[in-house]
């Protein structure tokens, strides 16, 4: 299984909420979202199966 098969990110493009879901038995251990300028806009180190980011 590739990383592209293991993680789902939707909707694309997102306007107010972004869902990041692990499709495998593995949990998401950390995540960092960057803006177009390369600035960190979201960061989490909580181990979960799904992350809902409200923008």
PDB file of N, CA and C in Angstrom:
ATOM      1  N   UNK A   1       0.853  -1.185   0.000  1.00  0.00           N
ATOM      2  CA  UNK A   1       0.000   0.000   0.000  1.00  0.00           C
ATOM      3  C   UNK A   1       0.892   1.239   0.000  1.00  0.00           C
ATOM      4  N   UNK A   2       0.625   2.161  -0.902  1.00  0.00           N
ATOM      5  CA  UNK A   2       1.386   3.409  -0.968  1.00  0.00           C
ATOM      6  C   UNK A   2       0.778   4.443  -0.034  1.00  0.00           C
ATOM      7  N   UNK A   3       1.511   5.514   0.210  1.00  0.00           N
ATOM      8  CA  UNK A   3       0.999   6.590   1.054  1.00  0.00           C
ATOM      9  C   UNK A   3      -0.265   7.185   0.453  1.00  0.00           C
ATOM     10  N   UNK A   4      -0.313   7.303  -0.869  1.00  0.00           N
ATOM     11  CA  UNK A   4      -1.510   7.847  -1.534  1.00  0.00           C
ATOM     12  C   UNK A   4      -2.727   6.966  -1.292  1.00  0.00           C
ATOM     13  N   UNK A   5      -2.538   5.660  -1.151  1.00  0.00           N
ATOM     14  CA  UNK A   5      -3.640   4.743  -0.862  1.00  0.00           C
ATOM     15  C   UNK A   5      -4.006   4.743   0.616  1.00  0.00           C
ATOM     16  N   UNK A   6      -3.072   5.116   1.480  1.00  0.00           N
ATOM     17  CA  UNK A   6      -3.272   5.018   2.922  1.00  0.00           C
ATOM     18  C   UNK A   6      -3.932   6.249   3.532  1.00  0.00           C
ATOM     19  N   UNK A   7      -3.860   7.397   2.860  1.00  0.00           N
ATOM     20  CA  UNK A   7      -4.382   8.649   3.402  1.00  0.00           C
ATOM     21  C   UNK A   7      -5.366   9.267   2.413  1.00  0.00           C
ATOM     22  N   UNK A   8      -6.526   9.694   2.925  1.00  0.00           N
ATOM     23  CA  UNK A   8      -7.500  10.434   2.116  1.00  0.00           C
ATOM     24  C   UNK A   8      -7.566  11.865   2.629  1.00  0.00           C
ATOM     25  N   UNK A   9      -7.537  12.823   1.713  1.00  0.00           N
ATOM     26  CA  UNK A   9      -7.673  14.235   2.056  1.00  0.00           C
ATOM     27  C   UNK A   9      -8.789  14.796   1.194  1.00  0.00           C
ATOM     28  N   UNK A  10      -9.806  15.358   1.818  1.00  0.00           N
ATOM     29  CA  UNK A  10     -10.948  15.892   1.073  1.00  0.00           C
ATOM     30  C   UNK A  10     -11.655  16.956   1.890  1.00  0.00           C
ATOM     31  N   UNK A  11     -12.415  17.857   1.286  1.00  0.00           N
ATOM     32  CA  UNK A  11     -12.564  18.093  -0.146  1.00  0.00           C
ATOM     33  C   UNK A  11     -11.357  18.856  -0.677  1.00  0.00           C
ATOM     34  N   UNK A  12     -11.198  18.834  -1.979  1.00  0.00           N
ATOM     35  CA  UNK A  12     -10.117  19.559  -2.617  1.00  0.00           C
ATOM     36  C   UNK A  12     -10.703  20.301  -3.811  1.00  0.00           C
ATOM     37  N   UNK A  13     -10.768  21.610  -3.783  1.00  0.00           N
ATOM     38  CA  UNK A  13     -10.211  22.504  -2.767  1.00  0.00           C
ATOM     39  C   UNK A  13     -11.129  22.609  -1.551  1.00  0.00           C
ATOM     40  N   UNK A  14     -10.551  22.947  -0.418  1.00  0.00           N
ATOM     41  CA  UNK A  14     -11.309  23.121   0.828  1.00  0.00           C
ATOM     42  C   UNK A  14     -11.564  24.605   1.050  1.00  0.00           C
ATOM     43  N   UNK A  15     -12.721  24.918   1.624  1.00  0.00           N
ATOM     44  CA  UNK A  15     -13.031  26.309   1.925  1.00  0.00           C
ATOM     45  C   UNK A  15     -13.051  26.583   3.421  1.00  0.00           C
ATOM     46  N   UNK A  16     -13.649  25.676   4.209  1.00  0.00           N
ATOM     47  CA  UNK A  16     -13.721  25.915   5.640  1.00  0.00           C
ATOM     48  C   UNK A  16     -13.351  24.700   6.488  1.00  0.00           C
ATOM     49  N   UNK A  17     -13.397  23.505   5.934  1.00  0.00           N
ATOM     50  CA  UNK A  17     -13.059  22.299   6.686  1.00  0.00           C
ATOM     51  C   UNK A  17     -12.331  21.327   5.776  1.00  0.00           C
ATOM     52  N   UNK A  18     -11.285  20.699   6.310  1.00  0.00           N
ATOM     53  CA  UNK A  18     -10.479  19.728   5.581  1.00  0.00           C
ATOM     54  C   UNK A  18     -10.450  18.438   6.392  1.00  0.00           C
ATOM     55  N   UNK A  19     -10.758  17.318   5.759  1.00  0.00           N
ATOM     56  CA  UNK A  19     -10.744  16.015   6.414  1.00  0.00           C
ATOM     57  C   UNK A  19      -9.515  15.247   5.953  1.00  0.00           C
ATOM     58  N   UNK A  20      -8.769  14.706   6.902  1.00  0.00           N
ATOM     59  CA  UNK A  20      -7.604  13.874   6.607  1.00  0.00           C
ATOM     60  C   UNK A  20      -7.831  12.563   7.344  1.00  0.00           C
ATOM     61  N   UNK A  21      -7.941  11.460   6.575  1.00  0.00           N
ATOM     62  CA  UNK A  21      -8.335  10.178   7.151  1.00  0.00           C
ATOM     63  C   UNK A  21      -7.313   9.106   6.789  1.00  0.00           C
ATOM     64  N   UNK A  22      -6.927   8.305   7.780  1.00  0.00           N
ATOM     65  CA  UNK A  22      -6.063   7.157   7.541  1.00  0.00           C
ATOM     66  C   UNK A  22      -6.934   5.992   7.099  1.00  0.00           C
ATOM     67  N   UNK A  23      -6.677   5.472   5.898  1.00  0.00           N
ATOM     68  CA  UNK A  23      -7.463   4.369   5.353  1.00  0.00           C
ATOM     69  C   UNK A  23      -6.902   3.011   5.781  1.00  0.00           C
ATOM     70  N   UNK A  24      -5.741   3.011   6.407  1.00  0.00           N
ATOM     71  CA  UNK A  24      -5.116   1.756   6.824  1.00  0.00           C
ATOM     72  C   UNK A  24      -5.283   1.583   8.331  1.00  0.00           C
ATOM     73  N   UNK A  25      -4.686   0.545   8.863  1.00  0.00           N
ATOM     74  CA  UNK A  25      -4.738   0.306  10.308  1.00  0.00           C
ATOM     75  C   UNK A  25      -3.809   1.261  11.062  1.00  0.00           C
ATOM     76  N   UNK A  26      -2.928   1.954  10.339  1.00  0.00           N
ATOM     77  CA  UNK A  26      -1.994   2.887  10.961  1.00  0.00           C
ATOM     78  C   UNK A  26      -2.701   4.177  11.348  1.00  0.00           C
ATOM     79  N   UNK A  27      -2.217   4.758  12.415  1.00  0.00           N
ATOM     80  CA  UNK A  27      -2.771   6.022  12.863  1.00  0.00           C
ATOM     81  C   UNK A  27      -1.917   7.169  12.336  1.00  0.00           C
ATOM     82  N   UNK A  28      -2.516   8.340  12.214  1.00  0.00           N
ATOM     83  CA  UNK A  28      -1.793   9.542  11.837  1.00  0.00           C
ATOM     84  C   UNK A  28      -1.094  10.026  13.104  1.00  0.00           C
ATOM     85  N   UNK A  29       0.235  10.028  13.099  1.00  0.00           N
ATOM     86  CA  UNK A  29       0.988  10.370  14.309  1.00  0.00           C
ATOM     87  C   UNK A  29       1.227  11.861  14.454  1.00  0.00           C
ATOM     88  N   UNK A  30       1.422  12.547  13.348  1.00  0.00           N
ATOM     89  CA  UNK A  30       1.580  13.999  13.387  1.00  0.00           C
ATOM     90  C   UNK A  30       1.225  14.560  12.020  1.00  0.00           C
ATOM     91  N   UNK A  31       0.879  15.837  12.019  1.00  0.00           N
ATOM     92  CA  UNK A  31       0.509  16.494  10.764  1.00  0.00           C
ATOM     93  C   UNK A  31       0.889  17.961  10.862  1.00  0.00           C
ATOM     94  N   UNK A  32       1.317  18.512   9.737  1.00  0.00           N
ATOM     95  CA  UNK A  32       1.598  19.939   9.643  1.00  0.00           C
ATOM     96  C   UNK A  32       1.102  20.416   8.288  1.00  0.00           C
ATOM     97  N   UNK A  33       0.283  21.455   8.298  1.00  0.00           N
ATOM     98  CA  UNK A  33      -0.220  22.055   7.064  1.00  0.00           C
ATOM     99  C   UNK A  33       0.482  23.382   6.853  1.00  0.00           C
ATOM    100  N   UNK A  34       0.911  23.616   5.611  1.00  0.00           N
ATOM    101  CA  UNK A  34       1.624  24.843   5.263  1.00  0.00           C
ATOM    102  C   UNK A  34       0.800  25.676   4.294  1.00  0.00           C
ATOM    103  N   UNK A  35       0.909  26.987   4.403  1.00  0.00           N
ATOM    104  CA  UNK A  35       0.266  27.900   3.459  1.00  0.00           C
ATOM    105  C   UNK A  35       1.074  27.921   2.166  1.00  0.00           C
ATOM    106  N   UNK A  36       0.556  28.612   1.165  1.00  0.00           N
ATOM    107  CA  UNK A  36       1.286  28.766  -0.092  1.00  0.00           C
ATOM    108  C   UNK A  36       2.627  29.460   0.108  1.00  0.00           C
ATOM    109  N   UNK A  37       2.731  30.266   1.151  1.00  0.00           N
ATOM    110  CA  UNK A  37       3.977  30.980   1.439  1.00  0.00           C
ATOM    111  C   UNK A  37       4.948  30.136   2.261  1.00  0.00           C
ATOM    112  N   UNK A  38       4.547  28.923   2.645  1.00  0.00           N
ATOM    113  CA  UNK A  38       5.411  28.045   3.428  1.00  0.00           C
ATOM    114  C   UNK A  38       5.298  28.227   4.926  1.00  0.00           C
ATOM    115  N   UNK A  39       4.335  29.016   5.374  1.00  0.00           N
ATOM    116  CA  UNK A  39       4.130  29.230   6.807  1.00  0.00           C
ATOM    117  C   UNK A  39       3.260  28.117   7.373  1.00  0.00           C
ATOM    118  N   UNK A  40       3.589  27.650   8.569  1.00  0.00           N
ATOM    119  CA  UNK A  40       2.800  26.621   9.230  1.00  0.00           C
ATOM    120  C   UNK A  40       1.475  27.225   9.675  1.00  0.00           C
ATOM    121  N   UNK A  41       0.344  26.650   9.213  1.00  0.00           N
ATOM    122  CA  UNK A  41      -0.977  27.154   9.579  1.00  0.00           C
ATOM    123  C   UNK A  41      -1.728  26.178  10.482  1.00  0.00           C
ATOM    124  N   UNK A  42      -1.217  24.953  10.591  1.00  0.00           N
ATOM    125  CA  UNK A  42      -1.836  23.955  11.467  1.00  0.00           C
ATOM    126  C   UNK A  42      -0.796  22.901  11.797  1.00  0.00           C
ATOM    127  N   UNK A  43      -0.749  22.484  13.070  1.00  0.00           N
ATOM    128  CA  UNK A  43       0.174  21.440  13.471  1.00  0.00           C
ATOM    129  C   UNK A  43      -0.444  20.649  14.620  1.00  0.00           C
ATOM    130  N   UNK A  44      -0.290  19.326  14.559  1.00  0.00           N
ATOM    131  CA  UNK A  44      -0.802  18.452  15.615  1.00  0.00           C
ATOM    132  C   UNK A  44       0.119  17.247  15.745  1.00  0.00           C
ATOM    133  N   UNK A  45       0.328  16.815  16.975  1.00  0.00           N
ATOM    134  CA  UNK A  45       1.122  15.622  17.225  1.00  0.00           C
ATOM    135  C   UNK A  45       0.299  14.560  17.958  1.00  0.00           C
ATOM    136  N   UNK A  46      -1.015  14.675  17.888  1.00  0.00           N
ATOM    137  CA  UNK A  46      -1.913  13.712  18.505  1.00  0.00           C
ATOM    138  C   UNK A  46      -2.109  12.530  17.557  1.00  0.00           C
ATOM    139  N   UNK A  47      -1.958  11.317  18.050  1.00  0.00           N
ATOM    140  CA  UNK A  47      -2.111  10.102  17.235  1.00  0.00           C
ATOM    141  C   UNK A  47      -3.604   9.771  17.081  1.00  0.00           C
ATOM    142  N   UNK A  48      -4.104   9.870  15.840  1.00  0.00           N
ATOM    143  CA  UNK A  48      -5.525   9.669  15.564  1.00  0.00           C
ATOM    144  C   UNK A  48      -5.718   8.969  14.232  1.00  0.00           C
ATOM    145  N   UNK A  49      -6.926   8.509  13.951  1.00  0.00           N
ATOM    146  CA  UNK A  49      -7.279   7.916  12.660  1.00  0.00           C
ATOM    147  C   UNK A  49      -7.814   8.976  11.698  1.00  0.00           C
ATOM    148  N   UNK A  50      -8.322  10.091  12.238  1.00  0.00           N
ATOM    149  CA  UNK A  50      -8.917  11.139  11.393  1.00  0.00           C
ATOM    150  C   UNK A  50      -8.634  12.499  12.004  1.00  0.00           C
ATOM    151  N   UNK A  51      -8.342  13.470  11.131  1.00  0.00           N
ATOM    152  CA  UNK A  51      -8.136  14.865  11.552  1.00  0.00           C
ATOM    153  C   UNK A  51      -9.118  15.715  10.771  1.00  0.00           C
ATOM    154  N   UNK A  52      -9.902  16.526  11.479  1.00  0.00           N
ATOM    155  CA  UNK A  52     -10.786  17.505  10.846  1.00  0.00           C
ATOM    156  C   UNK A  52     -10.225  18.883  11.166  1.00  0.00           C
ATOM    157  N   UNK A  53      -9.787  19.588  10.148  1.00  0.00           N
ATOM    158  CA  UNK A  53      -9.198  20.912  10.325  1.00  0.00           C
ATOM    159  C   UNK A  53     -10.225  21.948   9.909  1.00  0.00           C
ATOM    160  N   UNK A  54     -10.582  22.839  10.832  1.00  0.00           N
ATOM    161  CA  UNK A  54     -11.507  23.924  10.521  1.00  0.00           C
ATOM    162  C   UNK A  54     -10.662  25.166  10.288  1.00  0.00           C
ATOM    163  N   UNK A  55     -10.855  25.759   9.106  1.00  0.00           N
ATOM    164  CA  UNK A  55     -10.030  26.908   8.706  1.00  0.00           C
ATOM    165  C   UNK A  55     -10.772  28.196   8.886  1.00  0.00           C
TER     166      UNK A  55
END
